[in-house]
């Protein structure tokens, strides 16, 4: 949970010199670029692990469960740690955590252990949670207050670019060596050798990720005193449960963050399997993985255009329109075949673009002094990325038809659409105690 910045600041840079502030700001933008890709490369791992370990759809989606469960478990502890270490030292800690977790992929690859990969993914998620807790406050404090929103928007653009490029490149690195095996006729020794062979590219990729993370940690350590004048408040836990149980706006906002993240991740995670279906495009894993990059690229384009859209229309109406369009596109995909089925689902990425910031702002609107607690509730709801993809996979397994599983994100977007309409009819009272 990102905490507000307090303490004396000079020129909005927390006591840093102008040169230090600019350098740290550029490094923070680089962090957004890298971590966007690291988070969403999990979509490729879901596709990679299915044939590698002969997994059902639900079992393959344990990849996302292992990663996103860290948000629920680590967000508030990370806020407490940040209050004690400060922003830059928290970044260093986060980089070291991600680097250590990335190195766990090497023994997991060498042993061909699915459980080992899941353990490494959980610790990757924990490290990224620590980094994300510090990201927005650092971007905000490094510059004049009046331009903080533009810096945050620019940083989010870096995040989306990182996702698109790294998923596209990752498809070639991680999926380029993918090949099937007849598990029914293979011996246990042959299966183990196959898994070790297929896991080699994963171990190599994450080894280099560890190197990059340690380099980033070293760079930030050089500037560890740059924001000593900007201190984070202790994460406010007291009153969080009372706020959640008493405020309808917060409850609905948290539900929509849960369903939004869940739907977005469920579609991205299972798109390789969907595009590989013979009734859709029948693509191999590498080709399908590259098209997943276009799904996230649509979100990038939507975010670039989003500022203009939200100035023209009420956020609640925009949210409802985008969610309804996502439902329409999913319906068209489920009822068609070939390129139409593929590209209508890929275009849902564009609809996702404005949902998170819009839901977040609408859900915490008018909370006043309770905003930190409201933000903590919203961040914890990101755990939807762990649970909804697993539900998607379970439906696909039970019905034997991945198209039927598209009903799961349809329900999620329907809830979001209704919340948008509800906020239009129930504008915030601004008192933080909406019943």
Protein backbone atom coordinates (compact mmCIF):
# COMPACT_ATOMS: atom_id res chain seq x y z
CA UNK A 1 0.00 0.00 0.00
CA UNK A 2 1.52 3.31 -1.03
CA UNK A 3 1.60 5.77 1.83
CA UNK A 4 1.52 9.55 1.45
CA UNK A 5 4.73 11.51 1.69
CA UNK A 6 5.44 13.70 4.69
CA UNK A 7 8.40 15.66 5.88
CA UNK A 8 10.24 18.66 4.57
CA UNK A 9 10.77 18.75 0.86
CA UNK A 10 12.76 21.20 -1.19
CA UNK A 11 11.29 21.94 -4.56
CA UNK A 12 9.30 18.73 -4.34
CA UNK A 13 12.42 16.56 -4.39
CA UNK A 14 12.61 15.46 -0.77
CA UNK A 15 15.94 17.20 -0.14
CA UNK A 16 17.65 15.77 -3.21
CA UNK A 17 19.70 17.98 -5.49
CA UNK A 18 18.24 18.69 -8.92
CA UNK A 19 20.70 16.30 -10.58
CA UNK A 20 20.05 13.54 -8.07
CA UNK A 21 16.29 13.92 -8.42
CA UNK A 22 16.42 13.70 -12.22
CA UNK A 23 18.65 10.63 -12.10
CA UNK A 24 16.44 8.84 -9.57
CA UNK A 25 13.36 9.79 -11.60
CA UNK A 26 14.86 8.29 -14.78
CA UNK A 27 15.76 5.14 -12.86
CA UNK A 28 12.20 4.94 -11.51
CA UNK A 29 10.84 5.14 -15.06
CA UNK A 30 13.18 2.25 -15.97
CA UNK A 31 11.74 0.28 -13.04
CA UNK A 32 8.21 0.74 -14.41
CA UNK A 33 9.43 -0.50 -17.80
CA UNK A 34 11.14 -3.62 -16.42
CA UNK A 35 8.57 -4.67 -13.84
CA UNK A 36 5.65 -4.36 -16.23
CA UNK A 37 7.30 -7.01 -18.36
CA UNK A 38 8.33 -9.19 -15.42
CA UNK A 39 4.76 -9.28 -14.11
CA UNK A 40 3.10 -10.14 -17.40
CA UNK A 41 5.68 -12.62 -18.62
CA UNK A 42 3.70 -14.99 -16.39
CA UNK A 43 1.19 -15.28 -19.24
CA UNK A 44 3.87 -17.04 -21.27
CA UNK A 45 4.80 -19.31 -18.36
CA UNK A 46 1.19 -20.51 -18.13
CA UNK A 47 1.39 -21.56 -21.78
CA UNK A 48 4.89 -23.04 -21.36
CA UNK A 49 4.08 -25.13 -18.30
CA UNK A 50 0.90 -26.79 -19.65
CA UNK A 51 2.67 -29.17 -22.07
CA UNK A 52 5.88 -29.20 -20.05
CA UNK A 53 4.18 -30.68 -16.97
CA UNK A 54 1.03 -32.08 -18.66
CA UNK A 55 -1.19 -29.73 -16.65
CA UNK A 56 -4.90 -29.05 -16.82
CA UNK A 57 -6.01 -25.46 -17.45
CA UNK A 58 -6.66 -24.94 -13.73
CA UNK A 59 -3.29 -26.35 -12.72
CA UNK A 60 -1.47 -24.13 -15.24
CA UNK A 61 -3.18 -21.08 -13.74
CA UNK A 62 -1.54 -21.84 -10.39
CA UNK A 63 1.26 -19.73 -11.91
CA UNK A 64 -0.86 -16.61 -11.42
CA UNK A 65 -2.12 -17.77 -8.03
CA UNK A 66 1.44 -18.17 -6.73
CA UNK A 67 2.37 -14.72 -8.01
CA UNK A 68 -0.67 -12.62 -7.13
CA UNK A 69 -1.28 -14.11 -3.68
CA UNK A 70 1.79 -12.09 -2.66
CA UNK A 71 -0.21 -8.87 -3.08
CA UNK A 72 -2.67 -9.94 -0.40
CA UNK A 73 0.03 -11.14 1.98
CA UNK A 74 2.74 -8.51 1.47
CA UNK A 75 1.14 -5.13 0.69
CA UNK A 76 0.61 -3.93 4.26
CA UNK A 77 3.91 -5.36 5.59
CA UNK A 78 5.68 -3.62 2.69
CA UNK A 79 4.08 -0.31 3.69
CA UNK A 80 5.35 -0.74 7.25
CA UNK A 81 8.86 -1.57 5.99
CA UNK A 82 8.83 1.49 3.72
CA UNK A 83 7.95 3.74 6.67
CA UNK A 84 11.10 2.53 8.44
CA UNK A 85 13.56 2.32 5.56
CA UNK A 86 12.43 5.23 3.39
CA UNK A 87 11.66 5.12 -0.30
CA UNK A 88 15.05 4.51 -1.91
CA UNK A 89 16.19 1.84 0.55
CA UNK A 90 12.83 0.10 0.05
CA UNK A 91 13.54 0.04 -3.68
CA UNK A 92 16.92 -1.55 -2.99
CA UNK A 93 15.30 -4.18 -0.77
CA UNK A 94 12.71 -4.93 -3.46
CA UNK A 95 15.35 -5.34 -6.17
CA UNK A 96 17.36 -7.72 -4.00
CA UNK A 97 14.20 -9.74 -3.23
CA UNK A 98 13.32 -10.06 -6.94
CA UNK A 99 16.93 -10.98 -7.78
CA UNK A 100 17.00 -13.66 -5.11
CA UNK A 101 13.65 -15.04 -6.29
CA UNK A 102 14.83 -15.02 -9.92
CA UNK A 103 17.83 -17.15 -8.94
CA UNK A 104 15.41 -19.74 -7.52
CA UNK A 105 14.34 -20.42 -11.11
CA UNK A 106 17.75 -22.00 -11.78
CA UNK A 107 17.38 -24.99 -9.42
CA UNK A 108 13.72 -25.27 -10.42
CA UNK A 109 14.79 -25.48 -14.08
CA UNK A 110 17.60 -27.92 -13.39
CA UNK A 111 15.27 -30.23 -11.49
CA UNK A 112 12.23 -29.74 -13.73
CA UNK A 113 10.12 -28.97 -10.65
CA UNK A 114 6.73 -27.30 -11.07
CA UNK A 115 6.56 -26.73 -7.31
CA UNK A 116 9.97 -25.07 -7.45
CA UNK A 117 8.77 -22.69 -10.16
CA UNK A 118 5.67 -21.79 -8.13
CA UNK A 119 7.78 -21.06 -5.06
CA UNK A 120 10.06 -18.79 -7.08
CA UNK A 121 7.04 -17.00 -8.57
CA UNK A 122 5.62 -16.29 -5.11
CA UNK A 123 8.86 -14.64 -4.01
CA UNK A 124 9.04 -12.71 -7.30
CA UNK A 125 5.55 -11.42 -6.52
CA UNK A 126 6.58 -10.47 -2.98
CA UNK A 127 9.55 -8.48 -4.25
CA UNK A 128 7.49 -6.71 -6.88
CA UNK A 129 4.88 -5.85 -4.25
CA UNK A 130 7.60 -4.15 -2.20
CA UNK A 131 8.76 -2.21 -5.27
CA UNK A 132 5.25 -1.15 -6.27
CA UNK A 133 4.49 0.11 -2.77
CA UNK A 134 7.32 2.65 -3.20
CA UNK A 135 6.87 3.44 -6.90
CA UNK A 136 4.06 5.99 -7.02
CA UNK A 137 5.22 8.00 -3.98
CA UNK A 138 8.74 8.27 -5.41
CA UNK A 139 7.45 9.46 -8.78
CA UNK A 140 5.23 11.98 -6.98
CA UNK A 141 7.94 13.44 -4.77
CA UNK A 142 10.59 13.83 -7.49
CA UNK A 143 9.44 17.11 -8.94
CA UNK A 144 6.93 19.91 -8.51
CA UNK A 145 3.61 18.92 -6.95
CA UNK A 146 1.63 20.52 -9.77
CA UNK A 147 3.15 18.18 -12.37
CA UNK A 148 2.95 14.96 -10.31
CA UNK A 149 -0.02 13.57 -12.27
CA UNK A 150 1.77 13.97 -15.60
CA UNK A 151 4.83 12.17 -14.21
CA UNK A 152 2.67 9.29 -12.99
CA UNK A 153 0.96 9.05 -16.39
CA UNK A 154 4.33 9.06 -18.13
CA UNK A 155 5.58 6.33 -15.80
CA UNK A 156 2.49 4.19 -16.53
CA UNK A 157 3.20 4.59 -20.23
CA UNK A 158 6.70 3.18 -19.62
CA UNK A 159 5.06 0.27 -17.80
CA UNK A 160 2.80 -0.54 -20.75
CA UNK A 161 5.64 -0.26 -23.26
CA UNK A 162 7.70 -2.63 -21.13
CA UNK A 163 4.86 -5.14 -21.00
CA UNK A 164 4.30 -5.11 -24.75
CA UNK A 165 7.97 -5.39 -25.75
CA UNK A 166 9.00 -7.92 -23.11
CA UNK A 167 6.04 -10.22 -23.72
CA UNK A 168 6.73 -10.16 -27.47
CA UNK A 169 10.44 -10.83 -27.00
CA UNK A 170 9.80 -13.30 -24.20
CA UNK A 171 7.63 -15.39 -26.51
CA UNK A 172 10.66 -16.05 -28.68
CA UNK A 173 13.02 -16.71 -25.76
CA UNK A 174 10.72 -18.84 -23.58
CA UNK A 175 8.50 -20.49 -26.17
CA UNK A 176 10.82 -20.76 -29.15
CA UNK A 177 12.12 -24.13 -27.96
CA UNK A 178 8.68 -25.48 -27.02
CA UNK A 179 7.91 -28.90 -28.40
CA UNK A 180 5.28 -31.49 -27.46
CA UNK A 181 5.89 -34.90 -25.97
CA UNK A 182 3.66 -37.96 -25.91
CA UNK A 183 3.36 -38.26 -22.13
CA UNK A 184 1.33 -41.47 -22.39
CA UNK A 185 4.13 -43.39 -24.07
CA UNK A 186 7.12 -41.64 -22.47
CA UNK A 187 8.93 -43.17 -19.51
CA UNK A 188 9.40 -41.28 -16.25
CA UNK A 189 13.06 -40.71 -17.15
CA UNK A 190 12.12 -39.34 -20.58
CA UNK A 191 9.55 -36.99 -19.05
CA UNK A 192 12.08 -35.69 -16.54
CA UNK A 193 14.71 -35.14 -19.24
CA UNK A 194 12.10 -33.32 -21.36
CA UNK A 195 11.17 -31.01 -18.47
CA UNK A 196 14.78 -30.17 -17.70
CA UNK A 197 15.42 -29.45 -21.40
CA UNK A 198 12.35 -27.22 -21.69
CA UNK A 199 13.14 -25.46 -18.41
CA UNK A 200 16.64 -24.44 -19.49
CA UNK A 201 15.43 -21.33 -21.33
CA UNK A 202 13.45 -20.26 -18.26
CA UNK A 203 16.44 -20.63 -15.96
CA UNK A 204 18.67 -18.63 -18.32
CA UNK A 205 16.13 -15.83 -18.73
CA UNK A 206 15.59 -15.41 -15.00
CA UNK A 207 19.34 -15.59 -14.34
CA UNK A 208 19.72 -12.47 -16.48
CA UNK A 209 16.75 -10.89 -14.70
CA UNK A 210 18.62 -11.38 -11.41
CA UNK A 211 21.66 -9.62 -12.88
CA UNK A 212 19.53 -6.66 -14.01
CA UNK A 213 17.80 -6.43 -10.62
CA UNK A 214 21.11 -6.44 -8.74
CA UNK A 215 22.43 -3.72 -11.07
CA UNK A 216 19.33 -1.63 -10.35
CA UNK A 217 19.79 -2.20 -6.61
CA UNK A 218 23.39 -0.95 -6.88
CA UNK A 219 22.33 2.14 -8.83
CA UNK A 220 19.62 3.04 -6.34
CA UNK A 221 22.01 2.41 -3.43
CA UNK A 222 24.30 5.12 -4.84
CA UNK A 223 21.40 7.56 -4.46
CA UNK A 224 20.09 6.16 -1.15
CA UNK A 225 20.25 9.59 0.52
CA UNK A 226 18.48 11.40 -2.31
CA UNK A 227 15.06 11.36 -0.64
CA UNK A 228 16.03 11.46 3.02
CA UNK A 229 13.85 14.56 3.39
CA UNK A 230 10.76 12.66 2.24
CA UNK A 231 9.46 10.20 4.80
CA UNK A 232 6.64 7.74 4.35
CA UNK A 233 3.96 7.52 6.99
CA UNK A 234 3.40 4.27 8.87
CA UNK A 235 0.85 2.13 7.06
CA UNK A 236 -2.52 2.79 8.71
CA UNK A 237 -4.13 -0.53 9.56
CA UNK A 238 -6.44 0.63 12.34
CA UNK A 239 -9.96 1.27 11.11
CA UNK A 240 -9.49 -0.57 7.81
CA UNK A 241 -11.96 -3.34 8.61
CA UNK A 242 -14.54 -0.88 9.95
CA UNK A 243 -14.23 1.16 6.76
CA UNK A 244 -14.67 -1.91 4.58
CA UNK A 245 -17.74 -3.17 6.45
CA UNK A 246 -19.47 0.23 6.60
CA UNK A 247 -18.77 1.89 3.25
CA UNK A 248 -20.68 0.60 0.22
CA UNK A 249 -18.52 2.54 -2.25
CA UNK A 250 -15.34 0.96 -0.88
CA UNK A 251 -16.92 -2.50 -0.89
CA UNK A 252 -18.02 -2.21 -4.52
CA UNK A 253 -14.73 -0.63 -5.56
CA UNK A 254 -12.74 -3.47 -3.98
CA UNK A 255 -15.00 -6.05 -5.62
CA UNK A 256 -14.39 -4.41 -9.00
CA UNK A 257 -10.61 -4.25 -8.51
CA UNK A 258 -10.81 -7.96 -7.69
CA UNK A 259 -12.86 -8.78 -10.78
CA UNK A 260 -10.96 -6.43 -13.10
CA UNK A 261 -7.50 -7.77 -12.27
CA UNK A 262 -8.89 -11.30 -12.31
CA UNK A 263 -10.52 -10.92 -15.72
CA UNK A 264 -7.54 -9.19 -17.30
CA UNK A 265 -5.08 -11.78 -16.02
CA UNK A 266 -7.39 -14.71 -16.82
CA UNK A 267 -7.68 -13.69 -20.46
CA UNK A 268 -3.96 -12.93 -20.85
CA UNK A 269 -2.90 -16.14 -19.10
CA UNK A 270 -5.10 -18.42 -21.18
CA UNK A 271 -4.76 -16.66 -24.54
CA UNK A 272 -1.97 -18.96 -25.74
CA UNK A 273 -4.24 -21.98 -25.20
CA UNK A 274 -7.17 -20.12 -26.79
CA UNK A 275 -5.23 -19.05 -29.89
CA UNK A 276 -3.83 -22.55 -30.18
CA UNK A 277 -7.32 -24.06 -30.36
CA UNK A 278 -7.99 -25.39 -33.85
CA UNK A 279 -11.35 -23.58 -33.96
CA UNK A 280 -9.59 -20.25 -33.39
CA UNK A 281 -6.18 -20.00 -35.10
CA UNK A 282 -4.41 -23.26 -34.26
CA UNK A 283 -1.17 -21.41 -33.56
CA UNK A 284 1.98 -22.82 -32.03
CA UNK A 285 3.05 -21.46 -28.67
CA UNK A 286 5.64 -18.95 -29.88
CA UNK A 287 3.30 -17.39 -32.47
CA UNK A 288 0.44 -17.28 -29.97
CA UNK A 289 2.71 -15.79 -27.31
CA UNK A 290 3.67 -12.94 -29.63
CA UNK A 291 -0.02 -12.12 -30.15
CA UNK A 292 -0.45 -11.90 -26.36
CA UNK A 293 1.81 -8.83 -26.62
CA UNK A 294 -0.88 -7.15 -28.75
CA UNK A 295 -3.41 -7.75 -25.97
CA UNK A 296 -1.22 -5.76 -23.59
CA UNK A 297 -0.38 -3.28 -26.35
CA UNK A 298 -4.07 -2.43 -26.59
CA UNK A 299 -3.97 -1.45 -22.92
CA UNK A 300 -1.00 0.80 -23.66
CA UNK A 301 -2.86 2.63 -26.43
CA UNK A 302 -5.95 3.01 -24.27
CA UNK A 303 -3.93 4.55 -21.44
CA UNK A 304 -2.38 7.07 -23.80
CA UNK A 305 -5.84 8.12 -24.97
CA UNK A 306 -7.51 7.79 -21.60
CA UNK A 307 -6.74 11.25 -20.28
CA UNK A 308 -8.69 12.85 -23.12
CA UNK A 309 -11.66 10.49 -22.73
CA UNK A 310 -11.96 11.06 -18.99
CA UNK A 311 -11.99 14.83 -19.49
CA UNK A 312 -14.99 14.59 -21.80
CA UNK A 313 -17.18 12.09 -19.92
CA UNK A 314 -17.94 11.12 -16.34
CA UNK A 315 -15.60 8.37 -15.12
CA UNK A 316 -18.52 6.13 -14.16
CA UNK A 317 -19.99 6.31 -17.66
CA UNK A 318 -16.59 5.62 -19.23
CA UNK A 319 -16.13 2.59 -16.95
CA UNK A 320 -19.54 1.20 -17.88
CA UNK A 321 -18.95 1.77 -21.60
CA UNK A 322 -15.54 0.08 -21.58
CA UNK A 323 -16.80 -2.89 -19.55
CA UNK A 324 -19.85 -3.31 -21.80
CA UNK A 325 -17.60 -3.20 -24.88
CA UNK A 326 -15.39 -5.89 -23.33
CA UNK A 327 -18.46 -8.10 -22.86
CA UNK A 328 -19.49 -7.53 -26.47
CA UNK A 329 -16.02 -8.40 -27.77
CA UNK A 330 -15.83 -11.57 -25.67
CA UNK A 331 -19.27 -12.60 -26.94
CA UNK A 332 -18.19 -12.07 -30.54
CA UNK A 333 -15.05 -14.08 -29.93
CA UNK A 334 -16.93 -16.98 -28.33
CA UNK A 335 -19.43 -17.16 -31.22
CA UNK A 336 -16.94 -16.84 -34.08
CA UNK A 337 -13.85 -18.63 -35.30
CA UNK A 338 -10.51 -17.96 -36.94
CA UNK A 339 -9.12 -14.43 -37.00
CA UNK A 340 -12.41 -12.94 -35.82
CA UNK A 341 -12.37 -15.05 -32.65
CA UNK A 342 -8.72 -14.20 -32.01
CA UNK A 343 -8.69 -10.46 -32.60
CA UNK A 344 -11.95 -9.69 -30.84
CA UNK A 345 -10.49 -11.24 -27.67
CA UNK A 346 -7.17 -9.44 -28.15
CA UNK A 347 -9.07 -6.12 -28.40
CA UNK A 348 -10.41 -6.63 -24.88
CA UNK A 349 -6.96 -5.41 -23.80
CA UNK A 350 -7.90 -1.92 -25.02
CA UNK A 351 -11.04 -2.01 -22.88
CA UNK A 352 -8.98 -2.90 -19.82
CA UNK A 353 -6.79 0.17 -20.19
CA UNK A 354 -8.72 2.68 -18.06
CA UNK A 355 -10.38 0.30 -15.63
CA UNK A 356 -7.86 0.08 -12.81
CA UNK A 357 -7.25 3.81 -12.24
CA UNK A 358 -10.93 4.62 -12.76
CA UNK A 359 -12.18 1.94 -10.36
CA UNK A 360 -9.49 2.87 -7.83
CA UNK A 361 -10.37 6.57 -7.86
CA UNK A 362 -14.13 5.97 -7.77
CA UNK A 363 -13.78 3.43 -4.97
CA UNK A 364 -11.73 5.75 -2.74
CA UNK A 365 -13.53 8.97 -3.67
CA UNK A 366 -14.51 11.16 -0.75
CA UNK A 367 -12.70 9.15 1.95
CA UNK A 368 -10.71 12.09 3.26
CA UNK A 369 -8.49 10.99 6.18
CA UNK A 370 -9.49 7.38 5.55
CA UNK A 371 -7.95 7.36 2.06
CA UNK A 372 -4.84 5.36 3.15
CA UNK A 373 -7.07 2.60 4.55
CA UNK A 374 -9.21 2.67 1.40
CA UNK A 375 -6.10 2.40 -0.76
CA UNK A 376 -4.93 -0.58 1.28
CA UNK A 377 -8.26 -2.33 0.71
CA UNK A 378 -8.04 -1.71 -3.04
CA UNK A 379 -4.45 -2.98 -3.23
CA UNK A 380 -5.36 -6.13 -1.33
CA UNK A 381 -8.19 -6.77 -3.80
CA UNK A 382 -5.55 -7.26 -6.52
CA UNK A 383 -5.57 -10.84 -5.23
CA UNK A 384 -8.31 -11.37 -7.83
CA UNK A 385 -5.39 -12.04 -10.18
CA UNK A 386 -4.71 -15.18 -8.16
CA UNK A 387 -8.24 -16.57 -7.92
CA UNK A 388 -10.18 -15.65 -11.08
CA UNK A 389 -7.68 -17.26 -13.53
CA UNK A 390 -7.90 -20.47 -11.51
CA UNK A 391 -11.70 -20.33 -11.77
CA UNK A 392 -11.34 -19.75 -15.53
CA UNK A 393 -9.17 -22.85 -15.82
CA UNK A 394 -11.53 -24.91 -13.70
CA UNK A 395 -14.50 -24.05 -15.94
CA UNK A 396 -12.44 -24.90 -19.03
CA UNK A 397 -11.50 -28.26 -17.53
CA UNK A 398 -15.02 -29.11 -16.35
CA UNK A 399 -16.67 -28.28 -19.68
CA UNK A 400 -13.82 -29.44 -21.89
CA UNK A 401 -14.23 -26.21 -23.86
CA UNK A 402 -12.10 -23.13 -23.27
CA UNK A 403 -14.76 -20.96 -24.95
CA UNK A 404 -17.18 -21.77 -22.11
CA UNK A 405 -14.63 -20.41 -19.65
CA UNK A 406 -15.02 -16.97 -21.25
CA UNK A 407 -18.21 -16.69 -19.19
CA UNK A 408 -15.97 -16.03 -16.17
CA UNK A 409 -14.55 -12.69 -17.42
CA UNK A 410 -18.01 -11.79 -18.81
CA UNK A 411 -19.41 -11.97 -15.27
CA UNK A 412 -16.46 -9.91 -14.01
CA UNK A 413 -17.00 -7.15 -16.58
CA UNK A 414 -20.75 -7.14 -15.89
CA UNK A 415 -20.03 -6.37 -12.23
CA UNK A 416 -17.68 -3.55 -13.28
CA UNK A 417 -20.26 -2.11 -15.68
CA UNK A 418 -22.87 -2.05 -12.92
CA UNK A 419 -20.46 -0.32 -10.54
CA UNK A 420 -19.81 2.41 -13.12
CA UNK A 421 -23.54 3.00 -13.49
CA UNK A 422 -23.97 2.96 -9.70
CA UNK A 423 -21.35 5.70 -9.21
CA UNK A 424 -23.17 7.93 -11.68
CA UNK A 425 -26.40 7.59 -9.67
CA UNK A 426 -24.63 7.77 -6.30
CA UNK A 427 -21.98 10.53 -6.46
CA UNK A 428 -19.60 10.65 -3.52
CA UNK A 429 -20.83 12.60 -0.50
CA UNK A 430 -17.22 13.44 0.31
CA UNK A 431 -17.54 12.49 3.97
CA UNK A 432 -15.89 9.08 3.90
CA UNK A 433 -18.80 7.24 5.49
CA UNK A 434 -21.05 6.31 2.62
CA UNK A 435 -23.47 3.59 3.61
